[in-house]
N, C-alpha and C. Protein backbone atom coordinates (compact mmCIF):
# COMPACT_ATOMS: atom_id res chain seq x y z
N MET A 1 0.85 -1.19 0.00
CA MET A 1 0.00 0.00 0.00
C MET A 1 0.88 1.24 0.00
N THR A 2 0.67 2.16 -0.92
CA THR A 2 1.44 3.38 -0.98
C THR A 2 0.73 4.48 -0.21
N GLN A 3 1.49 5.55 0.07
CA GLN A 3 0.96 6.65 0.84
C GLN A 3 0.14 7.58 -0.03
N ALA A 4 -0.87 8.22 0.58
CA ALA A 4 -1.55 9.32 -0.09
C ALA A 4 -0.54 10.44 -0.31
N ALA A 5 -0.81 11.27 -1.31
CA ALA A 5 0.16 12.29 -1.69
C ALA A 5 0.59 13.16 -0.52
N GLY A 6 -0.37 13.50 0.36
CA GLY A 6 -0.03 14.37 1.47
C GLY A 6 0.86 13.73 2.51
N ASN A 7 0.99 12.39 2.49
CA ASN A 7 1.81 11.68 3.46
C ASN A 7 3.14 11.23 2.90
N ARG A 8 3.39 11.50 1.63
CA ARG A 8 4.67 11.10 1.03
C ARG A 8 5.77 12.03 1.52
N LEU A 9 6.88 11.43 1.90
CA LEU A 9 7.99 12.19 2.46
C LEU A 9 9.26 11.97 1.67
N ARG A 10 10.12 12.98 1.71
CA ARG A 10 11.47 12.87 1.15
C ARG A 10 12.39 12.51 2.31
N VAL A 11 12.91 11.29 2.28
CA VAL A 11 13.69 10.75 3.40
C VAL A 11 15.13 10.56 2.97
N LEU A 12 16.05 11.12 3.75
CA LEU A 12 17.48 10.90 3.53
C LEU A 12 17.97 9.88 4.55
N VAL A 13 18.49 8.75 4.05
CA VAL A 13 19.02 7.69 4.91
C VAL A 13 20.55 7.80 4.90
N ILE A 14 21.14 8.03 6.07
CA ILE A 14 22.59 8.10 6.19
C ILE A 14 23.02 6.89 7.00
N GLU A 15 23.48 5.87 6.32
CA GLU A 15 23.74 4.55 6.92
C GLU A 15 24.84 3.87 6.12
N ASP A 16 25.89 3.38 6.82
CA ASP A 16 27.01 2.77 6.11
C ASP A 16 26.85 1.27 5.88
N GLN A 17 25.92 0.62 6.57
CA GLN A 17 25.70 -0.81 6.35
C GLN A 17 24.75 -0.99 5.17
N HIS A 18 25.29 -1.54 4.10
CA HIS A 18 24.56 -1.59 2.84
C HIS A 18 23.24 -2.34 2.96
N ASP A 19 23.23 -3.47 3.69
CA ASP A 19 22.01 -4.27 3.76
C ASP A 19 20.90 -3.53 4.51
N ILE A 20 21.27 -2.83 5.58
CA ILE A 20 20.26 -2.07 6.33
C ILE A 20 19.73 -0.92 5.47
N ALA A 21 20.65 -0.20 4.82
CA ALA A 21 20.22 0.92 3.97
C ALA A 21 19.32 0.44 2.84
N ALA A 22 19.67 -0.69 2.23
CA ALA A 22 18.87 -1.21 1.12
C ALA A 22 17.48 -1.64 1.59
N ASN A 23 17.41 -2.26 2.77
CA ASN A 23 16.11 -2.67 3.30
C ASN A 23 15.22 -1.46 3.60
N ILE A 24 15.81 -0.44 4.20
CA ILE A 24 15.04 0.78 4.49
C ILE A 24 14.57 1.42 3.19
N TRP A 25 15.48 1.56 2.23
CA TRP A 25 15.14 2.16 0.95
C TRP A 25 13.98 1.41 0.29
N ASP A 26 14.12 0.09 0.18
CA ASP A 26 13.08 -0.71 -0.49
C ASP A 26 11.73 -0.57 0.21
N PHE A 27 11.74 -0.66 1.52
CA PHE A 27 10.47 -0.59 2.26
C PHE A 27 9.81 0.78 2.08
N LEU A 28 10.58 1.86 2.28
CA LEU A 28 9.99 3.20 2.20
C LEU A 28 9.56 3.53 0.77
N GLU A 29 10.33 3.10 -0.19
CA GLU A 29 9.96 3.36 -1.58
C GLU A 29 8.67 2.63 -1.94
N ARG A 30 8.53 1.40 -1.48
CA ARG A 30 7.29 0.67 -1.73
C ARG A 30 6.10 1.35 -1.06
N ARG A 31 6.36 2.05 0.02
CA ARG A 31 5.31 2.77 0.73
C ARG A 31 5.02 4.14 0.10
N GLY A 32 5.72 4.47 -0.97
CA GLY A 32 5.43 5.69 -1.70
C GLY A 32 6.29 6.88 -1.35
N HIS A 33 7.31 6.68 -0.52
CA HIS A 33 8.18 7.79 -0.14
C HIS A 33 9.34 7.93 -1.14
N GLU A 34 9.92 9.12 -1.18
CA GLU A 34 11.10 9.38 -2.00
C GLU A 34 12.33 9.24 -1.11
N VAL A 35 13.28 8.42 -1.50
CA VAL A 35 14.41 8.09 -0.64
C VAL A 35 15.72 8.43 -1.32
N ASP A 36 16.65 8.98 -0.52
CA ASP A 36 18.03 9.19 -0.96
C ASP A 36 18.94 8.57 0.09
N HIS A 37 20.18 8.26 -0.28
CA HIS A 37 21.06 7.54 0.63
C HIS A 37 22.48 8.06 0.54
N CYS A 38 23.13 8.19 1.70
CA CYS A 38 24.56 8.47 1.79
C CYS A 38 25.17 7.46 2.75
N ALA A 39 26.41 7.04 2.46
CA ALA A 39 27.04 5.95 3.22
C ALA A 39 28.10 6.43 4.19
N ASP A 40 28.32 7.73 4.32
CA ASP A 40 29.29 8.24 5.29
C ASP A 40 28.83 9.60 5.80
N GLY A 41 29.44 10.04 6.91
CA GLY A 41 28.99 11.26 7.55
C GLY A 41 29.26 12.52 6.78
N VAL A 42 30.38 12.61 6.10
CA VAL A 42 30.73 13.83 5.37
C VAL A 42 29.75 14.08 4.22
N SER A 43 29.53 13.05 3.40
CA SER A 43 28.60 13.22 2.29
C SER A 43 27.17 13.38 2.81
N GLY A 44 26.85 12.70 3.93
CA GLY A 44 25.52 12.84 4.51
C GLY A 44 25.25 14.24 4.99
N LEU A 45 26.23 14.86 5.64
CA LEU A 45 26.07 16.24 6.10
C LEU A 45 25.86 17.18 4.93
N ALA A 46 26.69 17.03 3.89
CA ALA A 46 26.54 17.89 2.72
C ALA A 46 25.17 17.72 2.07
N ARG A 47 24.68 16.49 2.00
CA ARG A 47 23.37 16.25 1.39
C ARG A 47 22.26 16.84 2.25
N ALA A 48 22.34 16.65 3.57
CA ALA A 48 21.30 17.18 4.46
C ALA A 48 21.26 18.70 4.44
N MET A 49 22.42 19.33 4.27
CA MET A 49 22.49 20.79 4.28
C MET A 49 21.81 21.41 3.07
N ARG A 50 21.51 20.63 2.05
CA ARG A 50 20.83 21.19 0.87
C ARG A 50 19.41 21.62 1.19
N GLY A 51 18.83 21.07 2.25
CA GLY A 51 17.55 21.55 2.74
C GLY A 51 16.33 21.09 1.98
N ASP A 52 16.42 20.01 1.21
CA ASP A 52 15.27 19.59 0.41
C ASP A 52 14.77 18.20 0.81
N VAL A 53 14.98 17.83 2.08
CA VAL A 53 14.43 16.57 2.59
C VAL A 53 13.52 16.86 3.77
N ASP A 54 12.58 15.95 4.02
CA ASP A 54 11.63 16.13 5.11
C ASP A 54 12.12 15.53 6.42
N VAL A 55 12.85 14.41 6.32
CA VAL A 55 13.32 13.69 7.51
C VAL A 55 14.67 13.06 7.18
N VAL A 56 15.58 13.06 8.16
CA VAL A 56 16.86 12.36 8.05
C VAL A 56 16.84 11.15 8.97
N VAL A 57 17.12 9.96 8.41
CA VAL A 57 17.31 8.74 9.20
C VAL A 57 18.81 8.55 9.32
N LEU A 58 19.34 8.68 10.53
CA LEU A 58 20.78 8.83 10.73
C LEU A 58 21.35 7.74 11.63
N ASP A 59 22.29 6.96 11.08
CA ASP A 59 23.03 6.00 11.89
C ASP A 59 24.12 6.74 12.66
N LEU A 60 24.50 6.20 13.82
CA LEU A 60 25.54 6.87 14.62
C LEU A 60 26.94 6.42 14.23
N GLY A 61 27.15 5.13 13.95
CA GLY A 61 28.48 4.62 13.68
C GLY A 61 28.85 4.75 12.22
N LEU A 62 29.15 5.98 11.79
CA LEU A 62 29.45 6.25 10.38
C LEU A 62 30.93 6.49 10.16
N PRO A 63 31.46 6.13 8.99
CA PRO A 63 32.83 6.51 8.64
C PRO A 63 32.93 8.00 8.31
N ARG A 64 34.13 8.55 8.47
CA ARG A 64 34.49 9.92 8.11
C ARG A 64 33.91 10.97 9.05
N MET A 65 32.74 10.77 9.62
CA MET A 65 32.16 11.66 10.62
C MET A 65 31.02 10.90 11.29
N ASP A 66 31.05 10.77 12.62
CA ASP A 66 29.99 9.97 13.25
C ASP A 66 28.68 10.74 13.30
N GLY A 67 27.61 10.01 13.60
CA GLY A 67 26.28 10.60 13.54
C GLY A 67 26.06 11.72 14.53
N LEU A 68 26.66 11.62 15.72
CA LEU A 68 26.50 12.68 16.71
C LEU A 68 27.13 13.98 16.23
N ASP A 69 28.34 13.90 15.66
CA ASP A 69 28.98 15.09 15.11
C ASP A 69 28.16 15.68 13.97
N LEU A 70 27.64 14.80 13.11
CA LEU A 70 26.82 15.26 11.98
C LEU A 70 25.59 16.01 12.50
N CYS A 71 24.91 15.42 13.48
CA CYS A 71 23.72 16.04 14.04
C CYS A 71 24.05 17.39 14.65
N ARG A 72 25.12 17.47 15.42
CA ARG A 72 25.51 18.72 16.06
C ARG A 72 25.83 19.79 15.02
N ARG A 73 26.54 19.42 13.96
CA ARG A 73 26.90 20.41 12.94
C ARG A 73 25.67 20.92 12.19
N LEU A 74 24.72 20.05 11.95
CA LEU A 74 23.47 20.49 11.32
C LEU A 74 22.77 21.53 12.19
N ARG A 75 22.66 21.25 13.49
CA ARG A 75 21.96 22.16 14.39
C ARG A 75 22.73 23.47 14.56
N GLU A 76 24.05 23.39 14.64
CA GLU A 76 24.85 24.60 14.76
C GLU A 76 24.71 25.49 13.53
N ALA A 77 24.44 24.87 12.38
CA ALA A 77 24.24 25.63 11.14
C ALA A 77 22.81 26.17 11.03
N GLY A 78 21.97 25.90 12.03
CA GLY A 78 20.60 26.39 12.00
C GLY A 78 19.65 25.53 11.19
N ASN A 79 20.07 24.31 10.86
CA ASN A 79 19.23 23.40 10.09
C ASN A 79 18.36 22.60 11.04
N GLY A 80 17.03 22.76 10.94
CA GLY A 80 16.12 22.10 11.87
C GLY A 80 15.45 20.86 11.32
N VAL A 81 15.99 20.27 10.23
CA VAL A 81 15.37 19.08 9.66
C VAL A 81 15.20 18.00 10.73
N PRO A 82 14.04 17.35 10.81
CA PRO A 82 13.85 16.30 11.81
C PRO A 82 14.84 15.15 11.60
N ILE A 83 15.40 14.67 12.70
CA ILE A 83 16.41 13.61 12.66
C ILE A 83 15.96 12.44 13.52
N LEU A 84 15.88 11.27 12.91
CA LEU A 84 15.62 10.01 13.62
C LEU A 84 16.93 9.23 13.65
N MET A 85 17.49 9.04 14.83
CA MET A 85 18.76 8.33 14.96
C MET A 85 18.53 6.83 15.03
N LEU A 86 19.39 6.09 14.33
CA LEU A 86 19.41 4.63 14.38
C LEU A 86 20.72 4.19 15.00
N THR A 87 20.66 3.29 15.98
CA THR A 87 21.89 2.87 16.62
C THR A 87 21.70 1.59 17.40
N ALA A 88 22.81 0.89 17.63
CA ALA A 88 22.79 -0.28 18.50
C ALA A 88 23.06 0.12 19.95
N ARG A 89 23.37 1.40 20.18
CA ARG A 89 23.65 1.88 21.53
C ARG A 89 22.32 2.15 22.24
N ASP A 90 22.03 1.38 23.28
CA ASP A 90 20.69 1.44 23.85
C ASP A 90 20.65 1.88 25.31
N THR A 91 21.74 2.44 25.84
CA THR A 91 21.71 2.91 27.21
C THR A 91 21.02 4.27 27.28
N LEU A 92 20.51 4.62 28.47
CA LEU A 92 19.86 5.91 28.66
C LEU A 92 20.83 7.04 28.37
N GLU A 93 22.08 6.90 28.78
CA GLU A 93 23.07 7.96 28.55
C GLU A 93 23.27 8.21 27.06
N ASP A 94 23.30 7.12 26.27
CA ASP A 94 23.45 7.27 24.82
C ASP A 94 22.26 8.02 24.24
N LYS A 95 21.07 7.66 24.69
CA LYS A 95 19.87 8.32 24.17
C LYS A 95 19.85 9.80 24.53
N LEU A 96 20.19 10.11 25.77
CA LEU A 96 20.17 11.51 26.20
C LEU A 96 21.22 12.32 25.45
N ARG A 97 22.36 11.71 25.16
CA ARG A 97 23.38 12.44 24.40
C ARG A 97 22.88 12.72 22.99
N GLY A 98 22.18 11.73 22.39
CA GLY A 98 21.61 11.95 21.07
C GLY A 98 20.61 13.09 21.06
N PHE A 99 19.71 13.11 22.06
CA PHE A 99 18.75 14.20 22.15
C PHE A 99 19.46 15.54 22.38
N ALA A 100 20.51 15.53 23.21
CA ALA A 100 21.23 16.77 23.49
C ALA A 100 21.90 17.34 22.25
N GLU A 101 22.31 16.47 21.32
CA GLU A 101 22.94 16.95 20.09
C GLU A 101 21.91 17.41 19.06
N GLY A 102 20.61 17.19 19.34
CA GLY A 102 19.59 17.72 18.44
C GLY A 102 18.72 16.69 17.76
N ALA A 103 18.84 15.40 18.14
CA ALA A 103 17.98 14.38 17.54
C ALA A 103 16.54 14.57 17.97
N ASP A 104 15.60 14.21 17.11
CA ASP A 104 14.18 14.29 17.43
C ASP A 104 13.64 12.98 17.97
N ASP A 105 14.24 11.87 17.60
CA ASP A 105 13.82 10.57 18.11
C ASP A 105 14.97 9.60 17.94
N TYR A 106 14.84 8.42 18.55
CA TYR A 106 15.95 7.48 18.69
C TYR A 106 15.39 6.08 18.57
N LEU A 107 15.86 5.31 17.60
CA LEU A 107 15.36 3.95 17.38
C LEU A 107 16.54 2.98 17.46
N VAL A 108 16.41 1.97 18.34
CA VAL A 108 17.50 1.03 18.59
C VAL A 108 17.41 -0.15 17.63
N LYS A 109 18.53 -0.54 17.04
CA LYS A 109 18.60 -1.71 16.18
C LYS A 109 18.59 -2.97 17.04
N PRO A 110 17.98 -4.06 16.56
CA PRO A 110 17.17 -4.18 15.34
C PRO A 110 15.78 -3.59 15.55
N PHE A 111 15.14 -3.19 14.46
CA PHE A 111 13.84 -2.56 14.55
C PHE A 111 12.95 -3.09 13.43
N ALA A 112 11.65 -2.95 13.62
CA ALA A 112 10.69 -3.33 12.58
C ALA A 112 10.50 -2.15 11.62
N MET A 113 10.39 -2.44 10.33
CA MET A 113 10.25 -1.37 9.35
C MET A 113 8.98 -0.56 9.56
N ARG A 114 7.92 -1.20 10.01
CA ARG A 114 6.67 -0.47 10.25
C ARG A 114 6.85 0.53 11.39
N GLU A 115 7.64 0.16 12.39
CA GLU A 115 7.90 1.12 13.47
C GLU A 115 8.76 2.26 12.96
N LEU A 116 9.74 1.95 12.12
CA LEU A 116 10.57 3.00 11.53
C LEU A 116 9.70 4.02 10.80
N GLU A 117 8.78 3.53 9.98
CA GLU A 117 7.93 4.46 9.24
C GLU A 117 7.05 5.27 10.19
N ALA A 118 6.53 4.63 11.24
CA ALA A 118 5.70 5.35 12.21
C ALA A 118 6.51 6.45 12.89
N ARG A 119 7.75 6.15 13.24
CA ARG A 119 8.61 7.16 13.88
C ARG A 119 8.92 8.30 12.90
N ILE A 120 9.13 7.97 11.63
CA ILE A 120 9.38 9.00 10.62
C ILE A 120 8.20 9.96 10.53
N HIS A 121 6.99 9.40 10.50
CA HIS A 121 5.80 10.26 10.45
C HIS A 121 5.66 11.09 11.71
N ALA A 122 6.08 10.53 12.85
CA ALA A 122 5.94 11.25 14.12
C ALA A 122 6.84 12.47 14.19
N VAL A 123 8.03 12.40 13.56
CA VAL A 123 8.96 13.53 13.64
C VAL A 123 8.84 14.48 12.45
N ARG A 124 8.02 14.14 11.47
CA ARG A 124 7.90 14.98 10.27
C ARG A 124 7.36 16.36 10.64
N PRO A 125 7.69 17.38 9.85
CA PRO A 125 7.11 18.70 10.10
C PRO A 125 5.60 18.68 9.87
N HIS A 126 4.88 19.46 10.65
CA HIS A 126 3.44 19.55 10.50
C HIS A 126 3.03 20.98 10.14
N ARG A 127 1.91 21.09 9.51
CA ARG A 127 1.42 22.41 9.13
C ARG A 127 1.05 23.23 10.36
N ALA A 128 1.08 24.53 10.19
CA ALA A 128 0.68 25.42 11.26
C ALA A 128 -0.79 25.24 11.57
N PRO A 129 -1.20 25.35 12.84
CA PRO A 129 -2.62 25.26 13.17
C PRO A 129 -3.39 26.40 12.56
N SER A 130 -4.70 26.18 12.34
CA SER A 130 -5.50 27.19 11.67
C SER A 130 -5.59 28.49 12.44
N GLY A 131 -5.33 28.45 13.75
CA GLY A 131 -5.40 29.65 14.55
C GLY A 131 -4.25 30.60 14.34
N GLY A 132 -3.26 30.23 13.52
CA GLY A 132 -2.13 31.11 13.25
C GLY A 132 -0.94 30.80 14.13
N VAL A 133 0.03 31.71 14.16
CA VAL A 133 1.28 31.53 14.88
C VAL A 133 1.06 31.90 16.35
N PRO A 134 1.28 30.95 17.30
CA PRO A 134 1.08 31.27 18.71
C PRO A 134 2.14 32.24 19.21
N ALA A 135 1.77 33.08 20.19
CA ALA A 135 2.68 34.10 20.71
C ALA A 135 2.41 34.31 22.19
N PHE A 136 3.47 34.69 22.92
CA PHE A 136 3.34 35.02 24.34
C PHE A 136 4.55 35.83 24.77
N ALA A 137 4.31 36.99 25.35
CA ALA A 137 5.36 37.84 25.94
C ALA A 137 6.51 38.09 24.97
N GLY A 138 6.18 38.37 23.70
CA GLY A 138 7.21 38.67 22.71
C GLY A 138 7.87 37.47 22.09
N LEU A 139 7.41 36.25 22.44
CA LEU A 139 7.97 35.02 21.89
C LEU A 139 6.94 34.37 20.97
N THR A 140 7.34 34.00 19.76
CA THR A 140 6.46 33.34 18.81
C THR A 140 7.16 32.11 18.25
N TYR A 141 6.36 31.23 17.66
CA TYR A 141 6.92 30.07 16.96
C TYR A 141 6.09 29.78 15.73
N ASP A 142 6.76 29.64 14.57
CA ASP A 142 6.09 29.32 13.31
C ASP A 142 6.49 27.91 12.89
N PRO A 143 5.58 26.92 13.00
CA PRO A 143 5.93 25.54 12.66
C PRO A 143 6.19 25.33 11.18
N ARG A 144 5.74 26.26 10.34
CA ARG A 144 6.00 26.11 8.90
C ARG A 144 7.47 26.25 8.58
N THR A 145 8.16 27.08 9.35
CA THR A 145 9.60 27.29 9.13
C THR A 145 10.44 26.74 10.27
N MET A 146 9.78 26.18 11.32
CA MET A 146 10.45 25.69 12.52
C MET A 146 11.36 26.77 13.11
N THR A 147 10.82 27.99 13.18
CA THR A 147 11.59 29.13 13.66
C THR A 147 10.83 29.87 14.75
N ALA A 148 11.49 30.09 15.88
CA ALA A 148 10.95 30.95 16.93
C ALA A 148 11.47 32.36 16.71
N GLU A 149 10.79 33.31 17.33
CA GLU A 149 11.26 34.69 17.29
C GLU A 149 11.00 35.33 18.64
N ARG A 150 12.00 35.99 19.17
CA ARG A 150 11.85 36.71 20.43
C ARG A 150 12.57 38.04 20.33
N ASP A 151 11.86 39.10 20.58
CA ASP A 151 12.42 40.45 20.51
C ASP A 151 13.16 40.67 19.18
N ALA A 152 12.49 40.26 18.10
CA ALA A 152 12.98 40.46 16.73
C ALA A 152 14.19 39.60 16.39
N ARG A 153 14.56 38.66 17.25
CA ARG A 153 15.66 37.74 16.96
C ARG A 153 15.09 36.40 16.50
N ARG A 154 15.49 35.93 15.32
CA ARG A 154 15.00 34.66 14.78
C ARG A 154 15.83 33.52 15.35
N ILE A 155 15.15 32.43 15.76
CA ILE A 155 15.80 31.31 16.44
C ILE A 155 15.37 30.00 15.78
N PRO A 156 16.19 29.40 14.93
CA PRO A 156 15.84 28.10 14.34
C PRO A 156 15.78 27.01 15.41
N LEU A 157 14.75 26.17 15.34
CA LEU A 157 14.58 25.08 16.30
C LEU A 157 14.51 23.75 15.57
N THR A 158 14.74 22.67 16.30
CA THR A 158 14.48 21.36 15.75
C THR A 158 12.97 21.11 15.79
N ARG A 159 12.52 20.08 15.09
CA ARG A 159 11.10 19.73 15.10
C ARG A 159 10.63 19.45 16.52
N LEU A 160 11.45 18.75 17.29
CA LEU A 160 11.09 18.38 18.65
C LEU A 160 11.01 19.61 19.55
N GLN A 161 12.01 20.47 19.48
CA GLN A 161 11.98 21.70 20.27
C GLN A 161 10.77 22.55 19.90
N GLY A 162 10.48 22.63 18.61
CA GLY A 162 9.34 23.43 18.16
C GLY A 162 8.02 22.88 18.66
N SER A 163 7.87 21.56 18.68
CA SER A 163 6.64 20.95 19.16
C SER A 163 6.40 21.29 20.63
N LEU A 164 7.45 21.23 21.43
CA LEU A 164 7.32 21.56 22.84
C LEU A 164 6.99 23.03 23.03
N LEU A 165 7.69 23.91 22.30
CA LEU A 165 7.43 25.33 22.45
C LEU A 165 6.02 25.69 22.00
N ALA A 166 5.54 25.07 20.93
CA ALA A 166 4.20 25.37 20.43
C ALA A 166 3.15 25.09 21.49
N VAL A 167 3.28 23.95 22.19
CA VAL A 167 2.30 23.61 23.23
C VAL A 167 2.40 24.60 24.39
N LEU A 168 3.61 24.94 24.79
CA LEU A 168 3.77 25.90 25.88
C LEU A 168 3.17 27.25 25.51
N LEU A 169 3.34 27.67 24.27
CA LEU A 169 2.78 28.95 23.82
C LEU A 169 1.25 28.89 23.78
N GLN A 170 0.72 27.79 23.27
CA GLN A 170 -0.73 27.67 23.15
C GLN A 170 -1.41 27.67 24.52
N GLU A 171 -0.73 27.15 25.54
CA GLU A 171 -1.33 27.04 26.86
C GLU A 171 -0.94 28.18 27.80
N ALA A 172 0.04 28.99 27.42
CA ALA A 172 0.56 30.04 28.30
C ALA A 172 -0.55 30.97 28.79
N PRO A 173 -0.47 31.34 30.09
CA PRO A 173 0.54 30.98 31.10
C PRO A 173 0.20 29.74 31.93
N ARG A 174 -0.70 28.91 31.44
CA ARG A 174 -1.09 27.70 32.19
C ARG A 174 0.05 26.68 32.20
N ILE A 175 0.01 25.82 33.21
CA ILE A 175 1.01 24.74 33.32
C ILE A 175 0.68 23.64 32.33
N VAL A 176 1.71 23.13 31.65
CA VAL A 176 1.56 21.98 30.76
C VAL A 176 2.20 20.78 31.44
N PRO A 177 1.44 19.75 31.77
CA PRO A 177 2.01 18.60 32.49
C PRO A 177 3.07 17.86 31.67
N HIS A 178 3.96 17.19 32.39
CA HIS A 178 5.00 16.39 31.74
C HIS A 178 4.39 15.42 30.73
N ALA A 179 3.32 14.73 31.12
CA ALA A 179 2.76 13.68 30.27
C ALA A 179 2.29 14.25 28.94
N ARG A 180 1.69 15.43 28.95
CA ARG A 180 1.22 16.00 27.69
C ARG A 180 2.39 16.40 26.81
N LEU A 181 3.43 16.96 27.40
CA LEU A 181 4.59 17.35 26.60
C LEU A 181 5.26 16.14 25.98
N ILE A 182 5.39 15.07 26.75
CA ILE A 182 6.01 13.85 26.22
C ILE A 182 5.16 13.27 25.10
N ASP A 183 3.84 13.24 25.28
CA ASP A 183 2.96 12.71 24.24
C ASP A 183 3.02 13.57 22.98
N THR A 184 3.09 14.89 23.15
CA THR A 184 3.18 15.79 22.00
C THR A 184 4.46 15.56 21.21
N ALA A 185 5.55 15.39 21.93
CA ALA A 185 6.86 15.30 21.26
C ALA A 185 7.14 13.92 20.69
N TRP A 186 6.78 12.86 21.43
CA TRP A 186 7.18 11.52 21.02
C TRP A 186 6.03 10.56 20.77
N GLY A 187 4.82 10.94 21.13
CA GLY A 187 3.71 10.01 20.99
C GLY A 187 3.82 8.90 22.01
N ALA A 188 3.35 7.73 21.62
CA ALA A 188 3.31 6.61 22.56
C ALA A 188 4.68 5.96 22.74
N GLU A 189 5.64 6.29 21.88
CA GLU A 189 6.95 5.63 21.92
C GLU A 189 8.06 6.67 22.04
N GLY A 190 9.12 6.31 22.78
CA GLY A 190 10.38 7.03 22.68
C GLY A 190 10.66 8.07 23.72
N GLY A 191 9.66 8.63 24.38
CA GLY A 191 9.93 9.72 25.30
C GLY A 191 9.79 9.33 26.76
N ASP A 192 10.51 10.04 27.64
CA ASP A 192 10.36 9.88 29.07
C ASP A 192 10.76 11.20 29.72
N ILE A 193 10.68 11.25 31.05
CA ILE A 193 10.98 12.49 31.76
C ILE A 193 12.40 12.97 31.50
N ALA A 194 13.36 12.03 31.50
CA ALA A 194 14.75 12.42 31.29
C ALA A 194 14.96 13.03 29.91
N ALA A 195 14.35 12.44 28.88
CA ALA A 195 14.48 13.00 27.54
C ALA A 195 13.80 14.36 27.46
N LEU A 196 12.65 14.51 28.12
CA LEU A 196 11.95 15.80 28.13
C LEU A 196 12.81 16.86 28.80
N GLN A 197 13.41 16.54 29.92
CA GLN A 197 14.26 17.50 30.62
C GLN A 197 15.43 17.94 29.75
N THR A 198 16.00 17.00 29.01
CA THR A 198 17.10 17.34 28.11
C THR A 198 16.64 18.31 27.03
N GLN A 199 15.47 18.05 26.43
CA GLN A 199 14.97 18.91 25.37
C GLN A 199 14.61 20.29 25.90
N VAL A 200 14.01 20.37 27.08
CA VAL A 200 13.66 21.68 27.66
C VAL A 200 14.93 22.46 27.99
N TYR A 201 15.96 21.77 28.46
CA TYR A 201 17.25 22.43 28.72
C TYR A 201 17.80 23.06 27.43
N GLU A 202 17.76 22.29 26.33
CA GLU A 202 18.25 22.82 25.06
C GLU A 202 17.36 23.97 24.56
N LEU A 203 16.04 23.85 24.76
CA LEU A 203 15.13 24.91 24.34
C LEU A 203 15.39 26.19 25.13
N ARG A 204 15.60 26.06 26.42
CA ARG A 204 15.92 27.24 27.24
C ARG A 204 17.20 27.93 26.79
N ALA A 205 18.18 27.11 26.41
CA ALA A 205 19.44 27.70 25.94
C ALA A 205 19.24 28.57 24.71
N LEU A 206 18.21 28.26 23.93
CA LEU A 206 17.96 29.01 22.70
C LEU A 206 17.03 30.21 22.91
N VAL A 207 15.95 30.02 23.67
CA VAL A 207 14.94 31.09 23.75
C VAL A 207 14.98 31.88 25.06
N ASP A 208 15.76 31.44 26.04
CA ASP A 208 15.86 32.16 27.31
C ASP A 208 17.26 32.70 27.59
N LYS A 209 18.27 31.86 27.43
CA LYS A 209 19.62 32.23 27.86
C LYS A 209 20.14 33.52 27.22
N PRO A 210 19.88 33.78 25.93
CA PRO A 210 20.41 35.02 25.34
C PRO A 210 19.70 36.29 25.79
N PHE A 211 18.65 36.15 26.61
CA PHE A 211 17.83 37.30 26.97
C PHE A 211 17.89 37.56 28.48
N ALA A 212 17.49 38.76 28.88
CA ALA A 212 17.63 39.18 30.27
C ALA A 212 16.71 38.39 31.21
N GLN A 213 15.49 38.06 30.74
CA GLN A 213 14.51 37.41 31.59
C GLN A 213 14.07 36.08 31.00
N PRO A 214 14.05 35.02 31.81
CA PRO A 214 13.56 33.72 31.30
C PRO A 214 12.05 33.72 31.18
N LEU A 215 11.55 32.95 30.21
CA LEU A 215 10.12 32.77 30.04
C LEU A 215 9.68 31.35 30.41
N ILE A 216 10.55 30.35 30.23
CA ILE A 216 10.19 28.96 30.51
C ILE A 216 10.49 28.65 31.97
N HIS A 217 9.47 28.21 32.69
CA HIS A 217 9.61 27.95 34.12
C HIS A 217 9.22 26.51 34.45
N THR A 218 9.98 25.92 35.37
CA THR A 218 9.69 24.57 35.85
C THR A 218 8.69 24.63 36.99
N VAL A 219 7.67 23.79 36.92
CA VAL A 219 6.75 23.60 38.03
C VAL A 219 7.08 22.22 38.59
N ARG A 220 7.83 22.19 39.66
CA ARG A 220 8.46 20.97 40.14
C ARG A 220 7.45 19.84 40.34
N GLY A 221 7.75 18.70 39.74
CA GLY A 221 6.92 17.52 39.88
C GLY A 221 5.66 17.51 39.03
N ILE A 222 5.42 18.59 38.27
CA ILE A 222 4.18 18.69 37.49
C ILE A 222 4.46 18.89 36.01
N GLY A 223 5.22 19.93 35.65
CA GLY A 223 5.44 20.21 34.24
C GLY A 223 6.18 21.52 34.04
N TYR A 224 5.84 22.22 32.97
CA TYR A 224 6.48 23.49 32.64
C TYR A 224 5.41 24.49 32.21
N ARG A 225 5.78 25.78 32.27
CA ARG A 225 4.87 26.83 31.85
C ARG A 225 5.68 28.01 31.33
N LEU A 226 5.05 28.83 30.50
CA LEU A 226 5.61 30.11 30.12
C LEU A 226 5.00 31.18 31.02
N ALA A 227 5.84 32.05 31.54
CA ALA A 227 5.38 33.13 32.40
C ALA A 227 6.11 34.41 32.02
N SER A 228 5.39 35.52 32.02
CA SER A 228 5.97 36.80 31.66
C SER A 228 7.02 37.23 32.67
N PRO A 229 8.04 37.95 32.21
CA PRO A 229 9.04 38.49 33.15
C PRO A 229 8.36 39.38 34.18
N ALA A 230 8.88 39.35 35.39
CA ALA A 230 8.32 40.17 36.47
C ALA A 230 8.53 41.65 36.18
C-alpha cells in the first residue's frame, strides 16, 4: 500500500551498512516515499544541508564523521530538519546524548520497518494550526519554518523543540504537564521524563539564555509553563 500524496515524504538515509540501507530504501519506496542515501557522515552532512528533505534517518556509527557530530553540525548551522537516529547503543546515557545533540527521536537496532515508518511520520514537520502563529510575551513560533522569534531575533529550532514550544505557547501561562509534553513530542513511543528534561534544557538555551529574563519555568513535579518576566 502506498501513501496518499499528502503523506509522502522525502527521506534521507545516512547509513554505512549496505544491507540495512537497502532494506530501508526498499520498504519506504514501496510505501510511496522518496528516498536518498549516503554511506558516510561527510557526504551525509553535505546532502542534508541542501535543505530539500523532510526527515533524516541517521546512523551513529558512520565513517568519516559519526552521527552525533553530523547532528551537532546540522543544528549549529541552524538546520532544523527532523532527525531520527538509528543505533545499537541502547543505554539511557546514549539516548540523552543523542537528544542533546539535536535528535528528534531514537530507534535502537534491530527494529521493525513499520515502526521505523511510524517514527518518521511522528517527527515529520506539521502544518501550522488554523489559529495562526502562537505568541506570548514577545515570543512566537512558526511551525511552517520551525523558527521561533523573540524580541525580533530569529531562532531556528528542531522539530522536537518546536513541538514543545508550540504547546507551551498555546497554553501560556497555564502549566503543561509532563505527560502532555512527552505525548506531543514523542507520541506513545520514545519519550520519558529524562528525555523531556534534556529537550527543555536545550530549548531554554535558545529562547531564554540570550535574553535578560527567562520565560520557561519549571513547576516541580508537574510540568512546565511560560510566564511573563516580572
